[in-house]
């Protein structure tokens, strides 16, 4: 993952995805943004500015959970479908819309409130590519 660009507690990170579909754990980026912001209590907004990618929060303990999510999304939104979009990546646009492109995470005592087994994931649906993630830290 690339270096962070930061201004006014808005952090931009670059991510190089490696596969057509993958989930990249970005917890470390959230911790980095919170630490650099010096905010003890507030909210971290994680945002993906891409129409064929998304953000989700889910289990990090068993990699089969991520695999199961990707396999199920492929069944619901197959690569080959009755799509009209000329670029041939309608399935990726649909997955992005379904998963969403942002999450808000509460910051308490300088740390994100996440469950024991939770990670925040950047969801790649049309890779591999260089992608951006923005994290805005807002103090109480």
N, C-alpha and C. Protein backbone atom coordinates (compact mmCIF):
# COMPACT_ATOMS: atom_id res chain seq x y z
N UNK A 1 0.85 -1.17 0.00
CA UNK A 1 0.00 0.00 0.00
C UNK A 1 0.89 1.23 0.00
N UNK A 2 0.46 2.24 -0.68
CA UNK A 2 1.27 3.43 -0.89
C UNK A 2 1.29 4.38 0.28
N UNK A 3 2.08 5.42 0.12
CA UNK A 3 2.19 6.47 1.11
C UNK A 3 0.89 7.26 1.23
N UNK A 4 0.68 7.81 2.41
CA UNK A 4 -0.52 8.61 2.64
C UNK A 4 -0.25 10.06 2.28
N UNK A 5 -1.21 10.68 1.63
CA UNK A 5 -1.21 12.12 1.45
C UNK A 5 -2.22 12.66 2.46
N UNK A 6 -1.87 13.73 3.20
CA UNK A 6 -2.73 14.18 4.27
C UNK A 6 -2.87 15.70 4.27
N UNK A 7 -4.10 16.15 4.47
CA UNK A 7 -4.38 17.57 4.63
C UNK A 7 -5.69 17.70 5.39
N UNK A 8 -5.68 18.50 6.48
CA UNK A 8 -6.89 18.73 7.27
C UNK A 8 -7.57 17.44 7.72
N UNK A 9 -6.77 16.49 8.18
CA UNK A 9 -7.26 15.19 8.64
C UNK A 9 -7.99 14.40 7.55
N UNK A 10 -7.69 14.69 6.30
CA UNK A 10 -8.15 13.88 5.17
C UNK A 10 -6.92 13.16 4.63
N UNK A 11 -6.96 11.85 4.66
CA UNK A 11 -5.82 11.03 4.24
C UNK A 11 -6.18 10.28 2.97
N UNK A 12 -5.24 10.26 2.02
CA UNK A 12 -5.42 9.51 0.78
C UNK A 12 -4.34 8.45 0.71
N UNK A 13 -4.76 7.23 0.49
CA UNK A 13 -3.84 6.10 0.35
C UNK A 13 -4.03 5.46 -1.02
N UNK A 14 -2.94 4.99 -1.61
CA UNK A 14 -3.00 4.22 -2.85
C UNK A 14 -2.84 2.75 -2.53
N UNK A 15 -3.63 1.95 -3.22
CA UNK A 15 -3.59 0.50 -3.04
C UNK A 15 -3.39 -0.13 -4.42
N UNK A 16 -2.44 -1.03 -4.52
CA UNK A 16 -2.24 -1.80 -5.75
C UNK A 16 -2.91 -3.15 -5.55
N UNK A 17 -4.04 -3.35 -6.22
CA UNK A 17 -4.69 -4.65 -6.12
C UNK A 17 -4.00 -5.63 -7.06
N UNK A 18 -4.12 -6.92 -6.75
CA UNK A 18 -3.37 -7.93 -7.49
C UNK A 18 -4.24 -8.87 -8.30
N UNK A 19 -5.54 -8.91 -7.98
CA UNK A 19 -6.43 -9.86 -8.65
C UNK A 19 -7.63 -9.12 -9.23
N UNK A 20 -8.38 -9.83 -10.07
CA UNK A 20 -9.61 -9.24 -10.61
C UNK A 20 -10.59 -8.95 -9.48
N UNK A 21 -10.71 -9.90 -8.54
CA UNK A 21 -11.57 -9.71 -7.37
C UNK A 21 -10.78 -10.09 -6.13
N UNK A 22 -10.74 -9.16 -5.19
CA UNK A 22 -10.07 -9.45 -3.92
C UNK A 22 -10.51 -8.45 -2.87
N UNK A 23 -10.36 -8.85 -1.62
CA UNK A 23 -10.61 -7.97 -0.49
C UNK A 23 -9.26 -7.68 0.16
N UNK A 24 -8.93 -6.40 0.32
CA UNK A 24 -7.67 -5.98 0.92
C UNK A 24 -7.97 -5.40 2.30
N UNK A 25 -7.38 -6.00 3.32
CA UNK A 25 -7.57 -5.52 4.70
C UNK A 25 -6.88 -4.16 4.83
N UNK A 26 -7.65 -3.13 5.18
CA UNK A 26 -7.09 -1.77 5.29
C UNK A 26 -7.14 -1.24 6.73
N UNK A 27 -7.25 -2.13 7.70
CA UNK A 27 -7.23 -1.69 9.10
C UNK A 27 -5.99 -0.87 9.42
N UNK A 28 -4.84 -1.29 8.89
CA UNK A 28 -3.60 -0.57 9.20
C UNK A 28 -3.66 0.88 8.71
N UNK A 29 -4.33 1.12 7.59
CA UNK A 29 -4.46 2.49 7.08
C UNK A 29 -5.34 3.33 8.00
N UNK A 30 -6.36 2.74 8.53
CA UNK A 30 -7.26 3.45 9.45
C UNK A 30 -6.52 3.80 10.73
N UNK A 31 -5.78 2.85 11.28
CA UNK A 31 -4.98 3.12 12.48
C UNK A 31 -3.95 4.23 12.22
N UNK A 32 -3.31 4.18 11.05
CA UNK A 32 -2.32 5.20 10.70
C UNK A 32 -2.97 6.58 10.62
N UNK A 33 -4.12 6.68 9.97
CA UNK A 33 -4.80 7.97 9.83
C UNK A 33 -5.22 8.51 11.20
N UNK A 34 -5.74 7.65 12.05
CA UNK A 34 -6.15 8.09 13.39
C UNK A 34 -4.94 8.58 14.17
N UNK A 35 -3.85 7.81 14.13
CA UNK A 35 -2.64 8.19 14.86
C UNK A 35 -2.09 9.54 14.38
N UNK A 36 -2.01 9.72 13.08
CA UNK A 36 -1.47 10.96 12.53
C UNK A 36 -2.39 12.16 12.78
N UNK A 37 -3.69 11.89 12.91
CA UNK A 37 -4.64 12.99 13.14
C UNK A 37 -4.60 13.49 14.59
N UNK A 38 -4.12 12.65 15.51
CA UNK A 38 -4.11 12.94 16.94
C UNK A 38 -5.52 13.09 17.52
N UNK A 39 -6.53 12.58 16.83
CA UNK A 39 -7.91 12.63 17.33
C UNK A 39 -8.12 11.45 18.28
N UNK A 40 -8.60 11.75 19.47
CA UNK A 40 -8.85 10.72 20.47
C UNK A 40 -10.26 10.15 20.36
N UNK A 41 -11.23 11.02 20.06
CA UNK A 41 -12.62 10.61 19.98
C UNK A 41 -13.28 11.28 18.80
N UNK A 42 -13.99 10.48 17.99
CA UNK A 42 -14.64 11.04 16.82
C UNK A 42 -15.09 9.94 15.88
N UNK A 43 -14.96 10.23 14.59
CA UNK A 43 -15.40 9.28 13.57
C UNK A 43 -14.36 9.25 12.45
N UNK A 44 -14.12 8.05 11.94
CA UNK A 44 -13.30 7.87 10.73
C UNK A 44 -14.27 7.48 9.62
N UNK A 45 -14.26 8.25 8.55
CA UNK A 45 -15.06 7.90 7.38
C UNK A 45 -14.10 7.35 6.34
N UNK A 46 -14.37 6.13 5.91
CA UNK A 46 -13.54 5.45 4.91
C UNK A 46 -14.33 5.48 3.61
N UNK A 47 -13.71 6.01 2.55
CA UNK A 47 -14.42 6.24 1.29
C UNK A 47 -13.59 5.75 0.10
N UNK A 48 -14.26 5.11 -0.83
CA UNK A 48 -13.65 4.61 -2.06
C UNK A 48 -14.25 5.38 -3.24
N UNK A 49 -13.45 6.12 -4.03
CA UNK A 49 -13.97 6.92 -5.13
C UNK A 49 -14.03 6.17 -6.47
N UNK A 50 -14.31 4.88 -6.42
CA UNK A 50 -14.32 4.08 -7.64
C UNK A 50 -15.67 3.40 -7.82
N UNK A 51 -16.12 3.27 -9.06
CA UNK A 51 -17.44 2.69 -9.33
C UNK A 51 -17.40 1.18 -9.53
N UNK A 52 -16.21 0.59 -9.46
CA UNK A 52 -16.11 -0.86 -9.58
C UNK A 52 -15.34 -1.44 -8.39
N UNK A 53 -15.44 -0.77 -7.25
CA UNK A 53 -14.81 -1.23 -6.01
C UNK A 53 -15.71 -0.81 -4.85
N UNK A 54 -15.40 -1.25 -3.66
CA UNK A 54 -16.24 -0.90 -2.51
C UNK A 54 -15.49 -1.02 -1.21
N UNK A 55 -16.24 -0.80 -0.12
CA UNK A 55 -15.72 -0.90 1.24
C UNK A 55 -16.71 -1.74 2.04
N UNK A 56 -16.18 -2.68 2.82
CA UNK A 56 -17.04 -3.46 3.71
C UNK A 56 -16.29 -3.76 4.99
N UNK A 57 -17.05 -4.18 6.00
CA UNK A 57 -16.48 -4.63 7.27
C UNK A 57 -16.96 -6.06 7.47
N UNK A 58 -16.01 -6.96 7.75
CA UNK A 58 -16.39 -8.33 7.98
C UNK A 58 -15.27 -9.07 8.70
N UNK A 59 -15.45 -10.36 8.86
CA UNK A 59 -14.54 -11.20 9.64
C UNK A 59 -13.15 -11.25 9.02
N UNK A 60 -12.13 -11.22 9.91
CA UNK A 60 -10.75 -11.33 9.46
C UNK A 60 -10.06 -12.60 9.93
N UNK A 61 -10.73 -13.39 10.75
CA UNK A 61 -10.08 -14.56 11.35
C UNK A 61 -10.01 -15.74 10.38
N UNK A 62 -11.04 -15.94 9.59
CA UNK A 62 -11.10 -17.08 8.68
C UNK A 62 -11.16 -16.56 7.25
N UNK A 63 -10.10 -16.77 6.45
CA UNK A 63 -10.10 -16.26 5.07
C UNK A 63 -11.21 -16.85 4.20
N UNK A 64 -11.80 -17.96 4.64
CA UNK A 64 -12.90 -18.54 3.87
C UNK A 64 -14.13 -17.64 3.87
N UNK A 65 -14.26 -16.76 4.86
CA UNK A 65 -15.40 -15.83 4.87
C UNK A 65 -15.31 -14.89 3.66
N UNK A 66 -14.14 -14.31 3.44
CA UNK A 66 -13.94 -13.44 2.28
C UNK A 66 -14.16 -14.22 0.99
N UNK A 67 -13.62 -15.41 0.92
CA UNK A 67 -13.82 -16.26 -0.26
C UNK A 67 -15.30 -16.52 -0.50
N UNK A 68 -16.03 -16.83 0.56
CA UNK A 68 -17.46 -17.11 0.43
C UNK A 68 -18.23 -15.88 -0.04
N UNK A 69 -17.85 -14.70 0.44
CA UNK A 69 -18.51 -13.47 -0.01
C UNK A 69 -18.28 -13.27 -1.50
N UNK A 70 -17.03 -13.41 -1.94
CA UNK A 70 -16.71 -13.21 -3.36
C UNK A 70 -17.44 -14.22 -4.24
N UNK A 71 -17.45 -15.48 -3.84
CA UNK A 71 -18.12 -16.53 -4.61
C UNK A 71 -19.62 -16.24 -4.70
N UNK A 72 -20.22 -15.82 -3.60
CA UNK A 72 -21.66 -15.53 -3.60
C UNK A 72 -21.97 -14.30 -4.45
N UNK A 73 -21.14 -13.26 -4.36
CA UNK A 73 -21.34 -12.09 -5.21
C UNK A 73 -21.24 -12.46 -6.69
N UNK A 74 -20.33 -13.38 -7.02
CA UNK A 74 -20.20 -13.84 -8.41
C UNK A 74 -21.46 -14.57 -8.88
N UNK A 75 -22.12 -15.27 -7.98
CA UNK A 75 -23.36 -15.96 -8.34
C UNK A 75 -24.51 -14.96 -8.52
N UNK A 76 -24.56 -13.98 -7.65
CA UNK A 76 -25.64 -12.98 -7.71
C UNK A 76 -25.43 -12.03 -8.89
N UNK A 77 -24.17 -11.65 -9.12
CA UNK A 77 -23.81 -10.71 -10.18
C UNK A 77 -22.77 -11.37 -11.10
N UNK A 78 -23.19 -12.29 -11.97
CA UNK A 78 -22.23 -13.02 -12.80
C UNK A 78 -21.52 -12.12 -13.82
N UNK A 79 -20.33 -12.52 -14.20
CA UNK A 79 -19.56 -11.76 -15.19
C UNK A 79 -20.35 -11.67 -16.50
N UNK A 80 -20.89 -12.78 -16.93
CA UNK A 80 -21.70 -12.81 -18.15
C UNK A 80 -23.17 -12.68 -17.75
N UNK A 81 -23.78 -11.64 -18.21
CA UNK A 81 -25.20 -11.43 -17.92
C UNK A 81 -25.83 -10.65 -19.05
N UNK A 82 -27.05 -10.30 -18.89
CA UNK A 82 -27.75 -9.52 -19.92
C UNK A 82 -27.47 -8.03 -19.71
N UNK A 83 -26.20 -7.68 -19.70
CA UNK A 83 -25.78 -6.31 -19.46
C UNK A 83 -25.62 -5.57 -20.79
N UNK A 84 -25.81 -4.28 -20.76
CA UNK A 84 -25.63 -3.46 -21.97
C UNK A 84 -24.38 -2.58 -21.92
N UNK A 85 -23.82 -2.42 -20.74
CA UNK A 85 -22.64 -1.57 -20.58
C UNK A 85 -21.51 -2.08 -21.48
N UNK A 86 -21.02 -1.22 -22.36
CA UNK A 86 -20.08 -1.64 -23.40
C UNK A 86 -18.71 -2.06 -22.89
N UNK A 87 -18.31 -1.64 -21.70
CA UNK A 87 -16.98 -1.98 -21.19
C UNK A 87 -16.89 -3.42 -20.70
N UNK A 88 -18.04 -4.07 -20.51
CA UNK A 88 -18.02 -5.46 -20.08
C UNK A 88 -17.76 -5.68 -18.60
N UNK A 89 -17.92 -4.64 -17.79
CA UNK A 89 -17.68 -4.81 -16.36
C UNK A 89 -18.90 -4.43 -15.51
N UNK A 90 -20.07 -4.63 -16.08
CA UNK A 90 -21.29 -4.31 -15.33
C UNK A 90 -21.38 -5.06 -14.01
N UNK A 91 -20.91 -6.31 -14.01
CA UNK A 91 -20.92 -7.09 -12.77
C UNK A 91 -20.15 -6.36 -11.66
N UNK A 92 -19.05 -5.70 -12.00
CA UNK A 92 -18.25 -4.98 -11.01
C UNK A 92 -18.98 -3.73 -10.52
N UNK A 93 -19.67 -3.04 -11.41
CA UNK A 93 -20.46 -1.87 -11.01
C UNK A 93 -21.58 -2.29 -10.05
N UNK A 94 -22.23 -3.40 -10.36
CA UNK A 94 -23.31 -3.88 -9.51
C UNK A 94 -22.81 -4.29 -8.12
N UNK A 95 -21.67 -4.96 -8.08
CA UNK A 95 -21.09 -5.37 -6.80
C UNK A 95 -20.70 -4.14 -5.97
N UNK A 96 -20.15 -3.13 -6.62
CA UNK A 96 -19.79 -1.89 -5.92
C UNK A 96 -21.02 -1.24 -5.30
N UNK A 97 -22.08 -1.14 -6.09
CA UNK A 97 -23.31 -0.53 -5.56
C UNK A 97 -23.89 -1.35 -4.42
N UNK A 98 -23.83 -2.66 -4.54
CA UNK A 98 -24.37 -3.54 -3.50
C UNK A 98 -23.57 -3.42 -2.20
N UNK A 99 -22.25 -3.43 -2.29
CA UNK A 99 -21.40 -3.37 -1.10
C UNK A 99 -21.34 -1.97 -0.50
N UNK A 100 -21.40 -0.96 -1.36
CA UNK A 100 -21.26 0.42 -0.88
C UNK A 100 -19.83 0.89 -0.97
N UNK A 101 -19.66 2.21 -0.97
CA UNK A 101 -18.32 2.78 -1.14
C UNK A 101 -17.82 3.53 0.09
N UNK A 102 -18.57 3.46 1.20
CA UNK A 102 -18.10 4.14 2.40
C UNK A 102 -18.57 3.44 3.66
N UNK A 103 -17.81 3.65 4.73
CA UNK A 103 -18.17 3.17 6.06
C UNK A 103 -17.73 4.23 7.06
N UNK A 104 -18.52 4.39 8.11
CA UNK A 104 -18.17 5.27 9.23
C UNK A 104 -17.81 4.39 10.42
N UNK A 105 -16.69 4.73 11.06
CA UNK A 105 -16.20 3.94 12.19
C UNK A 105 -15.96 4.88 13.37
N UNK A 106 -16.50 4.53 14.50
CA UNK A 106 -16.34 5.34 15.71
C UNK A 106 -14.90 5.22 16.21
N UNK A 107 -14.33 6.36 16.61
CA UNK A 107 -13.01 6.40 17.23
C UNK A 107 -13.21 6.67 18.71
N UNK A 108 -12.63 5.84 19.55
CA UNK A 108 -12.71 6.01 21.00
C UNK A 108 -11.32 5.81 21.59
N UNK A 109 -10.86 6.81 22.34
CA UNK A 109 -9.54 6.77 22.97
C UNK A 109 -8.44 6.45 21.96
N UNK A 110 -8.55 7.08 20.77
CA UNK A 110 -7.50 6.97 19.76
C UNK A 110 -7.50 5.69 18.96
N UNK A 111 -8.58 4.89 19.08
CA UNK A 111 -8.63 3.62 18.35
C UNK A 111 -10.00 3.45 17.70
N UNK A 112 -10.04 2.79 16.54
CA UNK A 112 -11.34 2.51 15.94
C UNK A 112 -12.08 1.43 16.73
N UNK A 113 -13.38 1.61 16.87
CA UNK A 113 -14.17 0.56 17.52
C UNK A 113 -14.56 -0.46 16.45
N UNK A 114 -13.90 -1.59 16.53
CA UNK A 114 -14.17 -2.72 15.64
C UNK A 114 -14.28 -3.96 16.51
N UNK A 115 -15.11 -4.90 16.07
CA UNK A 115 -15.24 -6.15 16.79
C UNK A 115 -13.95 -6.94 16.76
N UNK A 116 -13.84 -7.88 17.67
CA UNK A 116 -12.62 -8.68 17.82
C UNK A 116 -12.16 -9.30 16.50
N UNK A 117 -13.09 -9.75 15.67
CA UNK A 117 -12.73 -10.44 14.44
C UNK A 117 -12.97 -9.60 13.20
N UNK A 118 -13.21 -8.30 13.37
CA UNK A 118 -13.55 -7.46 12.23
C UNK A 118 -12.34 -6.77 11.61
N UNK A 119 -12.41 -6.67 10.28
CA UNK A 119 -11.50 -5.82 9.52
C UNK A 119 -12.33 -5.00 8.55
N UNK A 120 -11.76 -3.86 8.19
CA UNK A 120 -12.34 -3.05 7.12
C UNK A 120 -11.60 -3.47 5.85
N UNK A 121 -12.38 -3.78 4.81
CA UNK A 121 -11.80 -4.27 3.56
C UNK A 121 -12.08 -3.33 2.41
N UNK A 122 -11.05 -3.11 1.59
CA UNK A 122 -11.23 -2.52 0.27
C UNK A 122 -11.58 -3.67 -0.64
N UNK A 123 -12.71 -3.57 -1.34
CA UNK A 123 -13.21 -4.65 -2.20
C UNK A 123 -12.93 -4.32 -3.66
N UNK A 124 -12.06 -5.08 -4.27
CA UNK A 124 -11.74 -4.91 -5.69
C UNK A 124 -12.62 -5.84 -6.51
N UNK A 125 -13.30 -5.29 -7.51
CA UNK A 125 -14.17 -6.09 -8.37
C UNK A 125 -13.79 -6.00 -9.85
N UNK A 126 -12.76 -5.22 -10.19
CA UNK A 126 -12.40 -5.01 -11.59
C UNK A 126 -10.90 -4.76 -11.73
N UNK A 127 -10.12 -5.59 -11.06
CA UNK A 127 -8.69 -5.36 -11.03
C UNK A 127 -7.94 -6.28 -11.99
N UNK A 128 -6.64 -6.30 -11.81
CA UNK A 128 -5.87 -5.51 -10.85
C UNK A 128 -5.71 -4.06 -11.31
N UNK A 129 -5.64 -3.17 -10.33
CA UNK A 129 -5.52 -1.73 -10.61
C UNK A 129 -4.83 -1.03 -9.44
N UNK A 130 -4.44 0.21 -9.68
CA UNK A 130 -4.03 1.09 -8.59
C UNK A 130 -5.28 1.85 -8.18
N UNK A 131 -5.63 1.75 -6.91
CA UNK A 131 -6.87 2.35 -6.39
C UNK A 131 -6.54 3.35 -5.28
N UNK A 132 -7.50 4.18 -4.98
CA UNK A 132 -7.37 5.15 -3.89
C UNK A 132 -8.41 4.89 -2.82
N UNK A 133 -8.02 5.17 -1.59
CA UNK A 133 -8.92 5.14 -0.45
C UNK A 133 -8.71 6.43 0.30
N UNK A 134 -9.81 7.08 0.67
CA UNK A 134 -9.75 8.29 1.48
C UNK A 134 -10.27 7.98 2.86
N UNK A 135 -9.60 8.53 3.86
CA UNK A 135 -10.05 8.40 5.25
C UNK A 135 -10.10 9.80 5.84
N UNK A 136 -11.27 10.21 6.26
CA UNK A 136 -11.47 11.52 6.87
C UNK A 136 -11.68 11.29 8.37
N UNK A 137 -10.87 11.94 9.18
CA UNK A 137 -10.97 11.84 10.63
C UNK A 137 -11.65 13.10 11.16
N UNK A 138 -12.75 12.90 11.85
CA UNK A 138 -13.54 14.02 12.39
C UNK A 138 -13.56 13.89 13.92
N UNK A 139 -13.13 14.94 14.59
CA UNK A 139 -13.12 14.94 16.06
C UNK A 139 -14.50 15.29 16.61
N UNK A 140 -14.77 14.75 17.80
CA UNK A 140 -16.01 15.11 18.51
C UNK A 140 -16.07 16.59 18.77
